[in-house]
Amino acid sequence: MFKYFKKRKDVKTAQAAYSQAARDWNRITQELEDAQKELKTLESSWMNGLDYGRSKRFDRVQIAERKIRNLKRAVREAEQTMDEKFAALQAARKA
């Protein structure tokens, strides 16, 4: 009887950890999409002559590109974490 409740608690804990990892991945993915839209806007405004000053534009684009690189790395890390949490959930269900 106690073994059943311990397994149930372990499964719930693993499910909660997996759900949190999935929420983190969704949040980071949304931030990445927003940053890519921002970069596209920056590039189009510069091409249309709305952004005067080459160095100002270059700095803003560089910052946006760096942000996108960092977010892509964060997405990969979140996916790896999500995979680990899912494996732990499957192990808890089988135990």
PDB file of N, CA and C in Angstrom:
ATOM      1  N   MET A   1       0.820  -1.194   0.000  1.00  0.00           N
ATOM      2  CA  MET A   1       0.000   0.000   0.000  1.00  0.00           C
ATOM      3  C   MET A   1       0.865   1.259   0.000  1.00  0.00           C
ATOM      4  N   PHE A   2       1.864   1.288   0.888  1.00  0.00           N
ATOM      5  CA  PHE A   2       2.728   2.469   0.951  1.00  0.00           C
ATOM      6  C   PHE A   2       3.560   2.614  -0.322  1.00  0.00           C
ATOM      7  N   LYS A   3       3.914   1.482  -0.916  1.00  0.00           N
ATOM      8  CA  LYS A   3       4.695   1.517  -2.153  1.00  0.00           C
ATOM      9  C   LYS A   3       3.890   2.201  -3.268  1.00  0.00           C
ATOM     10  N   TYR A   4       2.585   1.939  -3.304  1.00  0.00           N
ATOM     11  CA  TYR A   4       1.715   2.555  -4.306  1.00  0.00           C
ATOM     12  C   TYR A   4       1.708   4.080  -4.152  1.00  0.00           C
ATOM     13  N   PHE A   5       1.561   4.546  -2.910  1.00  0.00           N
ATOM     14  CA  PHE A   5       1.504   5.993  -2.687  1.00  0.00           C
ATOM     15  C   PHE A   5       2.844   6.658  -2.976  1.00  0.00           C
ATOM     16  N   LYS A   6       3.944   5.965  -2.651  1.00  0.00           N
ATOM     17  CA  LYS A   6       5.267   6.523  -2.951  1.00  0.00           C
ATOM     18  C   LYS A   6       5.458   6.640  -4.462  1.00  0.00           C
ATOM     19  N   LYS A   7       5.049   5.607  -5.212  1.00  0.00           N
ATOM     20  CA  LYS A   7       5.164   5.655  -6.667  1.00  0.00           C
ATOM     21  C   LYS A   7       4.289   6.770  -7.236  1.00  0.00           C
ATOM     22  N   ARG A   8       3.086   6.899  -6.698  1.00  0.00           N
ATOM     23  CA  ARG A   8       2.171   7.943  -7.175  1.00  0.00           C
ATOM     24  C   ARG A   8       2.762   9.329  -6.926  1.00  0.00           C
ATOM     25  N   LYS A   9       3.374   9.508  -5.758  1.00  0.00           N
ATOM     26  CA  LYS A   9       3.993  10.794  -5.439  1.00  0.00           C
ATOM     27  C   LYS A   9       5.183  11.055  -6.359  1.00  0.00           C
ATOM     28  N   ASP A  10       5.988  10.032  -6.627  1.00  0.00           N
ATOM     29  CA  ASP A  10       7.132  10.182  -7.522  1.00  0.00           C
ATOM     30  C   ASP A  10       6.680  10.550  -8.934  1.00  0.00           C
ATOM     31  N   VAL A  11       5.607   9.941  -9.404  1.00  0.00           N
ATOM     32  CA  VAL A  11       5.084  10.232 -10.735  1.00  0.00           C
ATOM     33  C   VAL A  11       4.562  11.668 -10.787  1.00  0.00           C
ATOM     34  N   LYS A  12       3.860  12.095  -9.748  1.00  0.00           N
ATOM     35  CA  LYS A  12       3.347  13.469  -9.720  1.00  0.00           C
ATOM     36  C   LYS A  12       4.491  14.474  -9.714  1.00  0.00           C
ATOM     37  N   THR A  13       5.535  14.196  -8.943  1.00  0.00           N
ATOM     38  CA  THR A  13       6.692  15.086  -8.888  1.00  0.00           C
ATOM     39  C   THR A  13       7.376  15.159 -10.246  1.00  0.00           C
ATOM     40  N   ALA A  14       7.552  14.008 -10.890  1.00  0.00           N
ATOM     41  CA  ALA A  14       8.184  13.980 -12.209  1.00  0.00           C
ATOM     42  C   ALA A  14       7.312  14.689 -13.243  1.00  0.00           C
ATOM     43  N   GLN A  15       5.996  14.526 -13.147  1.00  0.00           N
ATOM     44  CA  GLN A  15       5.077  15.199 -14.075  1.00  0.00           C
ATOM     45  C   GLN A  15       5.152  16.710 -13.898  1.00  0.00           C
ATOM     46  N   ALA A  16       5.233  17.166 -12.659  1.00  0.00           N
ATOM     47  CA  ALA A  16       5.330  18.606 -12.397  1.00  0.00           C
ATOM     48  C   ALA A  16       6.638  19.171 -12.946  1.00  0.00           C
ATOM     49  N   ALA A  17       7.731  18.433 -12.784  1.00  0.00           N
ATOM     50  CA  ALA A  17       9.021  18.890 -13.301  1.00  0.00           C
ATOM     51  C   ALA A  17       8.998  18.956 -14.829  1.00  0.00           C
ATOM     52  N   TYR A  18       8.395  17.967 -15.460  1.00  0.00           N
ATOM     53  CA  TYR A  18       8.294  17.961 -16.917  1.00  0.00           C
ATOM     54  C   TYR A  18       7.416  19.113 -17.401  1.00  0.00           C
ATOM     55  N   SER A  19       6.308  19.360 -16.718  1.00  0.00           N
ATOM     56  CA  SER A  19       5.417  20.457 -17.103  1.00  0.00           C
ATOM     57  C   SER A  19       6.120  21.803 -16.997  1.00  0.00           C
ATOM     58  N   GLN A  20       6.920  21.982 -15.936  1.00  0.00           N
ATOM     59  CA  GLN A  20       7.663  23.229 -15.776  1.00  0.00           C
ATOM     60  C   GLN A  20       8.688  23.391 -16.895  1.00  0.00           C
ATOM     61  N   ALA A  21       9.363  22.310 -17.252  1.00  0.00           N
ATOM     62  CA  ALA A  21      10.335  22.365 -18.341  1.00  0.00           C
ATOM     63  C   ALA A  21       9.644  22.714 -19.660  1.00  0.00           C
ATOM     64  N   ALA A  22       8.469  22.173 -19.882  1.00  0.00           N
ATOM     65  CA  ALA A  22       7.717  22.481 -21.108  1.00  0.00           C
ATOM     66  C   ALA A  22       7.294  23.951 -21.137  1.00  0.00           C
ATOM     67  N   ARG A  23       6.859  24.476 -19.999  1.00  0.00           N
ATOM     68  CA  ARG A  23       6.488  25.898 -19.936  1.00  0.00           C
ATOM     69  C   ARG A  23       7.697  26.788 -20.206  1.00  0.00           C
ATOM     70  N   ASP A  24       8.847  26.420 -19.639  1.00  0.00           N
ATOM     71  CA  ASP A  24      10.074  27.189 -19.888  1.00  0.00           C
ATOM     72  C   ASP A  24      10.422  27.184 -21.369  1.00  0.00           C
ATOM     73  N   TRP A  25      10.311  26.013 -21.998  1.00  0.00           N
ATOM     74  CA  TRP A  25      10.625  25.899 -23.422  1.00  0.00           C
ATOM     75  C   TRP A  25       9.680  26.781 -24.240  1.00  0.00           C
ATOM     76  N   ASN A  26       8.397  26.758 -23.908  1.00  0.00           N
ATOM     77  CA  ASN A  26       7.424  27.593 -24.632  1.00  0.00           C
ATOM     78  C   ASN A  26       7.743  29.079 -24.484  1.00  0.00           C
ATOM     79  N   ARG A  27       8.115  29.493 -23.274  1.00  0.00           N
ATOM     80  CA  ARG A  27       8.428  30.901 -23.025  1.00  0.00           C
ATOM     81  C   ARG A  27       9.660  31.323 -23.819  1.00  0.00           C
ATOM     82  N   ILE A  28      10.696  30.501 -23.809  1.00  0.00           N
ATOM     83  CA  ILE A  28      11.924  30.836 -24.524  1.00  0.00           C
ATOM     84  C   ILE A  28      11.680  30.854 -26.029  1.00  0.00           C
ATOM     85  N   THR A  29      10.899  29.915 -26.526  1.00  0.00           N
ATOM     86  CA  THR A  29      10.575  29.872 -27.951  1.00  0.00           C
ATOM     87  C   THR A  29       9.815  31.132 -28.371  1.00  0.00           C
ATOM     88  N   GLN A  30       8.902  31.581 -27.532  1.00  0.00           N
ATOM     89  CA  GLN A  30       8.151  32.805 -27.832  1.00  0.00           C
ATOM     90  C   GLN A  30       9.087  34.015 -27.841  1.00  0.00           C
ATOM     91  N   GLU A  31      10.019  34.083 -26.889  1.00  0.00           N
ATOM     92  CA  GLU A  31      10.995  35.178 -26.867  1.00  0.00           C
ATOM     93  C   GLU A  31      11.847  35.172 -28.133  1.00  0.00           C
ATOM     94  N   LEU A  32      12.223  33.976 -28.588  1.00  0.00           N
ATOM     95  CA  LEU A  32      13.020  33.859 -29.803  1.00  0.00           C
ATOM     96  C   LEU A  32      12.240  34.380 -31.006  1.00  0.00           C
ATOM     97  N   GLU A  33      10.985  34.001 -31.123  1.00  0.00           N
ATOM     98  CA  GLU A  33      10.159  34.480 -32.240  1.00  0.00           C
ATOM     99  C   GLU A  33      10.029  36.005 -32.206  1.00  0.00           C
ATOM    100  N   ASP A  34       9.844  36.553 -31.006  1.00  0.00           N
ATOM    101  CA  ASP A  34       9.735  38.009 -30.876  1.00  0.00           C
ATOM    102  C   ASP A  34      11.035  38.695 -31.281  1.00  0.00           C
ATOM    103  N   ALA A  35      12.170  38.132 -30.892  1.00  0.00           N
ATOM    104  CA  ALA A  35      13.462  38.722 -31.241  1.00  0.00           C
ATOM    105  C   ALA A  35      13.702  38.660 -32.749  1.00  0.00           C
ATOM    106  N   GLN A  36      13.287  37.559 -33.379  1.00  0.00           N
ATOM    107  CA  GLN A  36      13.446  37.459 -34.825  1.00  0.00           C
ATOM    108  C   GLN A  36      12.575  38.481 -35.552  1.00  0.00           C
ATOM    109  N   LYS A  37      11.370  38.716 -35.050  1.00  0.00           N
ATOM    110  CA  LYS A  37      10.501  39.745 -35.638  1.00  0.00           C
ATOM    111  C   LYS A  37      11.129  41.127 -35.469  1.00  0.00           C
ATOM    112  N   GLU A  38      11.709  41.365 -34.290  1.00  0.00           N
ATOM    113  CA  GLU A  38      12.348  42.654 -34.027  1.00  0.00           C
ATOM    114  C   GLU A  38      13.524  42.882 -34.978  1.00  0.00           C
ATOM    115  N   LEU A  39      14.335  41.838 -35.198  1.00  0.00           N
ATOM    116  CA  LEU A  39      15.459  41.953 -36.115  1.00  0.00           C
ATOM    117  C   LEU A  39      14.971  42.247 -37.534  1.00  0.00           C
ATOM    118  N   LYS A  40      13.929  41.556 -37.944  1.00  0.00           N
ATOM    119  CA  LYS A  40      13.375  41.780 -39.279  1.00  0.00           C
ATOM    120  C   LYS A  40      12.883  43.223 -39.417  1.00  0.00           C
ATOM    121  N   THR A  41      12.241  43.737 -38.380  1.00  0.00           N
ATOM    122  CA  THR A  41      11.763  45.120 -38.382  1.00  0.00           C
ATOM    123  C   THR A  41      12.934  46.097 -38.472  1.00  0.00           C
ATOM    124  N   LEU A  42      13.985  45.831 -37.703  1.00  0.00           N
ATOM    125  CA  LEU A  42      15.169  46.697 -37.740  1.00  0.00           C
ATOM    126  C   LEU A  42      15.779  46.723 -39.138  1.00  0.00           C
ATOM    127  N   GLU A  43      15.908  45.547 -39.733  1.00  0.00           N
ATOM    128  CA  GLU A  43      16.515  45.475 -41.064  1.00  0.00           C
ATOM    129  C   GLU A  43      15.634  46.154 -42.107  1.00  0.00           C
ATOM    130  N   SER A  44      14.328  45.964 -42.025  1.00  0.00           N
ATOM    131  CA  SER A  44      13.451  46.583 -43.033  1.00  0.00           C
ATOM    132  C   SER A  44      13.402  48.099 -42.861  1.00  0.00           C
ATOM    133  N   SER A  45      13.433  48.581 -41.627  1.00  0.00           N
ATOM    134  CA  SER A  45      13.399  50.028 -41.425  1.00  0.00           C
ATOM    135  C   SER A  45      14.687  50.667 -41.937  1.00  0.00           C
ATOM    136  N   TRP A  46      15.792  49.957 -41.793  1.00  0.00           N
ATOM    137  CA  TRP A  46      17.051  50.495 -42.294  1.00  0.00           C
ATOM    138  C   TRP A  46      17.051  50.510 -43.824  1.00  0.00           C
ATOM    139  N   MET A  47      16.511  49.449 -44.424  1.00  0.00           N
ATOM    140  CA  MET A  47      16.479  49.369 -45.879  1.00  0.00           C
ATOM    141  C   MET A  47      15.563  50.447 -46.465  1.00  0.00           C
ATOM    142  N   ASN A  48      14.533  50.817 -45.726  1.00  0.00           N
ATOM    143  CA  ASN A  48      13.605  51.846 -46.200  1.00  0.00           C
ATOM    144  C   ASN A  48      14.060  53.260 -45.858  1.00  0.00           C
ATOM    145  N   GLY A  49      15.215  53.379 -45.220  1.00  0.00           N
ATOM    146  CA  GLY A  49      15.767  54.690 -44.905  1.00  0.00           C
ATOM    147  C   GLY A  49      15.157  55.339 -43.684  1.00  0.00           C
ATOM    148  N   LEU A  50      14.473  54.567 -42.866  1.00  0.00           N
ATOM    149  CA  LEU A  50      13.860  55.141 -41.673  1.00  0.00           C
ATOM    150  C   LEU A  50      14.849  55.286 -40.528  1.00  0.00           C
ATOM    151  N   ASP A  51      15.933  54.534 -40.594  1.00  0.00           N
ATOM    152  CA  ASP A  51      16.923  54.556 -39.527  1.00  0.00           C
ATOM    153  C   ASP A  51      18.168  55.253 -40.051  1.00  0.00           C
ATOM    154  N   TYR A  52      18.376  56.479 -39.641  1.00  0.00           N
ATOM    155  CA  TYR A  52      19.531  57.235 -40.106  1.00  0.00           C
ATOM    156  C   TYR A  52      20.732  56.881 -39.251  1.00  0.00           C
ATOM    157  N   GLY A  53      21.862  56.864 -39.855  1.00  0.00           N
ATOM    158  CA  GLY A  53      23.091  56.566 -39.125  1.00  0.00           C
ATOM    159  C   GLY A  53      23.444  55.106 -39.205  1.00  0.00           C
ATOM    160  N   ARG A  54      24.455  54.804 -39.990  1.00  0.00           N
ATOM    161  CA  ARG A  54      24.850  53.421 -40.218  1.00  0.00           C
ATOM    162  C   ARG A  54      25.323  52.747 -38.937  1.00  0.00           C
ATOM    163  N   SER A  55      26.110  53.437 -38.137  1.00  0.00           N
ATOM    164  CA  SER A  55      26.656  52.803 -36.937  1.00  0.00           C
ATOM    165  C   SER A  55      25.548  52.496 -35.926  1.00  0.00           C
ATOM    166  N   LYS A  56      24.569  53.379 -35.818  1.00  0.00           N
ATOM    167  CA  LYS A  56      23.450  53.143 -34.905  1.00  0.00           C
ATOM    168  C   LYS A  56      22.689  51.890 -35.319  1.00  0.00           C
ATOM    169  N   ARG A  57      22.423  51.769 -36.597  1.00  0.00           N
ATOM    170  CA  ARG A  57      21.704  50.616 -37.118  1.00  0.00           C
ATOM    171  C   ARG A  57      22.507  49.349 -36.914  1.00  0.00           C
ATOM    172  N   PHE A  58      23.817  49.438 -37.188  1.00  0.00           N
ATOM    173  CA  PHE A  58      24.675  48.274 -37.060  1.00  0.00           C
ATOM    174  C   PHE A  58      24.705  47.791 -35.612  1.00  0.00           C
ATOM    175  N   ASP A  59      24.777  48.706 -34.664  1.00  0.00           N
ATOM    176  CA  ASP A  59      24.794  48.330 -33.250  1.00  0.00           C
ATOM    177  C   ASP A  59      23.489  47.651 -32.842  1.00  0.00           C
ATOM    178  N   ARG A  60      22.377  48.216 -33.263  1.00  0.00           N
ATOM    179  CA  ARG A  60      21.084  47.640 -32.902  1.00  0.00           C
ATOM    180  C   ARG A  60      20.893  46.259 -33.510  1.00  0.00           C
ATOM    181  N   VAL A  61      21.325  46.096 -34.753  1.00  0.00           N
ATOM    182  CA  VAL A  61      21.205  44.790 -35.403  1.00  0.00           C
ATOM    183  C   VAL A  61      22.131  43.776 -34.734  1.00  0.00           C
ATOM    184  N   GLN A  62      23.335  44.197 -34.401  1.00  0.00           N
ATOM    185  CA  GLN A  62      24.260  43.292 -33.714  1.00  0.00           C
ATOM    186  C   GLN A  62      23.689  42.824 -32.384  1.00  0.00           C
ATOM    187  N   ILE A  63      23.096  43.746 -31.650  1.00  0.00           N
ATOM    188  CA  ILE A  63      22.495  43.387 -30.363  1.00  0.00           C
ATOM    189  C   ILE A  63      21.356  42.393 -30.574  1.00  0.00           C
ATOM    190  N   ALA A  64      20.525  42.634 -31.570  1.00  0.00           N
ATOM    191  CA  ALA A  64      19.407  41.730 -31.855  1.00  0.00           C
ATOM    192  C   ALA A  64      19.919  40.352 -32.288  1.00  0.00           C
ATOM    193  N   GLU A  65      20.958  40.314 -33.118  1.00  0.00           N
ATOM    194  CA  GLU A  65      21.506  39.028 -33.562  1.00  0.00           C
ATOM    195  C   GLU A  65      22.119  38.264 -32.387  1.00  0.00           C
ATOM    196  N   ARG A  66      22.797  38.962 -31.500  1.00  0.00           N
ATOM    197  CA  ARG A  66      23.383  38.315 -30.320  1.00  0.00           C
ATOM    198  C   ARG A  66      22.282  37.751 -29.426  1.00  0.00           C
ATOM    199  N   LYS A  67      21.207  38.513 -29.279  1.00  0.00           N
ATOM    200  CA  LYS A  67      20.070  38.043 -28.483  1.00  0.00           C
ATOM    201  C   LYS A  67      19.476  36.781 -29.089  1.00  0.00           C
ATOM    202  N   ILE A  68      19.353  36.752 -30.413  1.00  0.00           N
ATOM    203  CA  ILE A  68      18.804  35.576 -31.087  1.00  0.00           C
ATOM    204  C   ILE A  68      19.713  34.363 -30.895  1.00  0.00           C
ATOM    205  N   ARG A  69      21.029  34.565 -31.022  1.00  0.00           N
ATOM    206  CA  ARG A  69      21.957  33.446 -30.795  1.00  0.00           C
ATOM    207  C   ARG A  69      21.820  32.896 -29.384  1.00  0.00           C
ATOM    208  N   ASN A  70      21.744  33.790 -28.411  1.00  0.00           N
ATOM    209  CA  ASN A  70      21.605  33.352 -27.021  1.00  0.00           C
ATOM    210  C   ASN A  70      20.286  32.625 -26.796  1.00  0.00           C
ATOM    211  N   LEU A  71      19.225  33.107 -27.409  1.00  0.00           N
ATOM    212  CA  LEU A  71      17.931  32.442 -27.252  1.00  0.00           C
ATOM    213  C   LEU A  71      17.910  31.078 -27.933  1.00  0.00           C
ATOM    214  N   LYS A  72      18.576  30.958 -29.077  1.00  0.00           N
ATOM    215  CA  LYS A  72      18.642  29.646 -29.741  1.00  0.00           C
ATOM    216  C   LYS A  72      19.380  28.640 -28.862  1.00  0.00           C
ATOM    217  N   ARG A  73      20.447  29.099 -28.216  1.00  0.00           N
ATOM    218  CA  ARG A  73      21.181  28.224 -27.295  1.00  0.00           C
ATOM    219  C   ARG A  73      20.284  27.845 -26.115  1.00  0.00           C
ATOM    220  N   ALA A  74      19.531  28.808 -25.606  1.00  0.00           N
ATOM    221  CA  ALA A  74      18.621  28.540 -24.493  1.00  0.00           C
ATOM    222  C   ALA A  74      17.532  27.551 -24.892  1.00  0.00           C
ATOM    223  N   VAL A  75      17.051  27.635 -26.129  1.00  0.00           N
ATOM    224  CA  VAL A  75      16.035  26.684 -26.610  1.00  0.00           C
ATOM    225  C   VAL A  75      16.620  25.271 -26.641  1.00  0.00           C
ATOM    226  N   ARG A  76      17.850  25.139 -27.143  1.00  0.00           N
ATOM    227  CA  ARG A  76      18.485  23.813 -27.169  1.00  0.00           C
ATOM    228  C   ARG A  76      18.637  23.248 -25.759  1.00  0.00           C
ATOM    229  N   GLU A  77      19.067  24.090 -24.818  1.00  0.00           N
ATOM    230  CA  GLU A  77      19.213  23.642 -23.440  1.00  0.00           C
ATOM    231  C   GLU A  77      17.864  23.258 -22.833  1.00  0.00           C
ATOM    232  N   ALA A  78      16.835  24.031 -23.133  1.00  0.00           N
ATOM    233  CA  ALA A  78      15.497  23.727 -22.617  1.00  0.00           C
ATOM    234  C   ALA A  78      14.976  22.419 -23.195  1.00  0.00           C
ATOM    235  N   GLU A  79      15.247  22.179 -24.477  1.00  0.00           N
ATOM    236  CA  GLU A  79      14.832  20.907 -25.081  1.00  0.00           C
ATOM    237  C   GLU A  79      15.534  19.731 -24.422  1.00  0.00           C
ATOM    238  N   GLN A  80      16.817  19.899 -24.135  1.00  0.00           N
ATOM    239  CA  GLN A  80      17.568  18.832 -23.471  1.00  0.00           C
ATOM    240  C   GLN A  80      17.011  18.582 -22.068  1.00  0.00           C
ATOM    241  N   THR A  81      16.718  19.647 -21.349  1.00  0.00           N
ATOM    242  CA  THR A  81      16.143  19.514 -20.014  1.00  0.00           C
ATOM    243  C   THR A  81      14.787  18.830 -20.082  1.00  0.00           C
ATOM    244  N   MET A  82      13.989  19.214 -21.063  1.00  0.00           N
ATOM    245  CA  MET A  82      12.671  18.612 -21.220  1.00  0.00           C
ATOM    246  C   MET A  82      12.801  17.107 -21.505  1.00  0.00           C
ATOM    247  N   ASP A  83      13.760  16.732 -22.344  1.00  0.00           N
ATOM    248  CA  ASP A  83      13.986  15.316 -22.636  1.00  0.00           C
ATOM    249  C   ASP A  83      14.392  14.554 -21.374  1.00  0.00           C
ATOM    250  N   GLU A  84      15.263  15.167 -20.566  1.00  0.00           N
ATOM    251  CA  GLU A  84      15.691  14.519 -19.321  1.00  0.00           C
ATOM    252  C   GLU A  84      14.521  14.347 -18.358  1.00  0.00           C
ATOM    253  N   LYS A  85      13.693  15.373 -18.251  1.00  0.00           N
ATOM    254  CA  LYS A  85      12.535  15.305 -17.348  1.00  0.00           C
ATOM    255  C   LYS A  85      11.529  14.268 -17.838  1.00  0.00           C
ATOM    256  N   PHE A  86      11.369  14.155 -19.164  1.00  0.00           N
ATOM    257  CA  PHE A  86      10.456  13.152 -19.709  1.00  0.00           C
ATOM    258  C   PHE A  86      10.975  11.745 -19.433  1.00  0.00           C
ATOM    259  N   ALA A  87      12.284  11.562 -19.564  1.00  0.00           N
ATOM    260  CA  ALA A  87      12.871  10.253 -19.256  1.00  0.00           C
ATOM    261  C   ALA A  87      12.674   9.906 -17.783  1.00  0.00           C
ATOM    262  N   ALA A  88      12.831  10.902 -16.909  1.00  0.00           N
ATOM    263  CA  ALA A  88      12.611  10.666 -15.478  1.00  0.00           C
ATOM    264  C   ALA A  88      11.144  10.322 -15.205  1.00  0.00           C
ATOM    265  N   LEU A  89      10.246  10.978 -15.920  1.00  0.00           N
ATOM    266  CA  LEU A  89       8.810  10.695 -15.772  1.00  0.00           C
ATOM    267  C   LEU A  89       8.509   9.262 -16.208  1.00  0.00           C
ATOM    268  N   GLN A  90       9.063   8.852 -17.330  1.00  0.00           N
ATOM    269  CA  GLN A  90       8.832   7.475 -17.809  1.00  0.00           C
ATOM    270  C   GLN A  90       9.395   6.463 -16.823  1.00  0.00           C
ATOM    271  N   ALA A  91      10.562   6.758 -16.261  1.00  0.00           N
ATOM    272  CA  ALA A  91      11.166   5.842 -15.278  1.00  0.00           C
ATOM    273  C   ALA A  91      10.293   5.768 -14.018  1.00  0.00           C
ATOM    274  N   ALA A  92       9.747   6.896 -13.595  1.00  0.00           N
ATOM    275  CA  ALA A  92       8.892   6.896 -12.404  1.00  0.00           C
ATOM    276  C   ALA A  92       7.598   6.113 -12.657  1.00  0.00           C
ATOM    277  N   ARG A  93       7.088   6.198 -13.862  1.00  0.00           N
ATOM    278  CA  ARG A  93       5.866   5.450 -14.183  1.00  0.00           C
ATOM    279  C   ARG A  93       6.111   3.949 -14.220  1.00  0.00           C
ATOM    280  N   LYS A  94       7.288   3.554 -14.672  1.00  0.00           N
ATOM    281  CA  LYS A  94       7.603   2.127 -14.777  1.00  0.00           C
ATOM    282  C   LYS A  94       7.995   1.517 -13.436  1.00  0.00           C
ATOM    283  N   ALA A  95       8.470   2.339 -12.515  1.00  0.00           N
ATOM    284  CA  ALA A  95       8.945   1.812 -11.222  1.00  0.00           C
ATOM    285  C   ALA A  95       7.827   1.253 -10.370  1.00  0.00           C
TER     286      ALA A  95
END
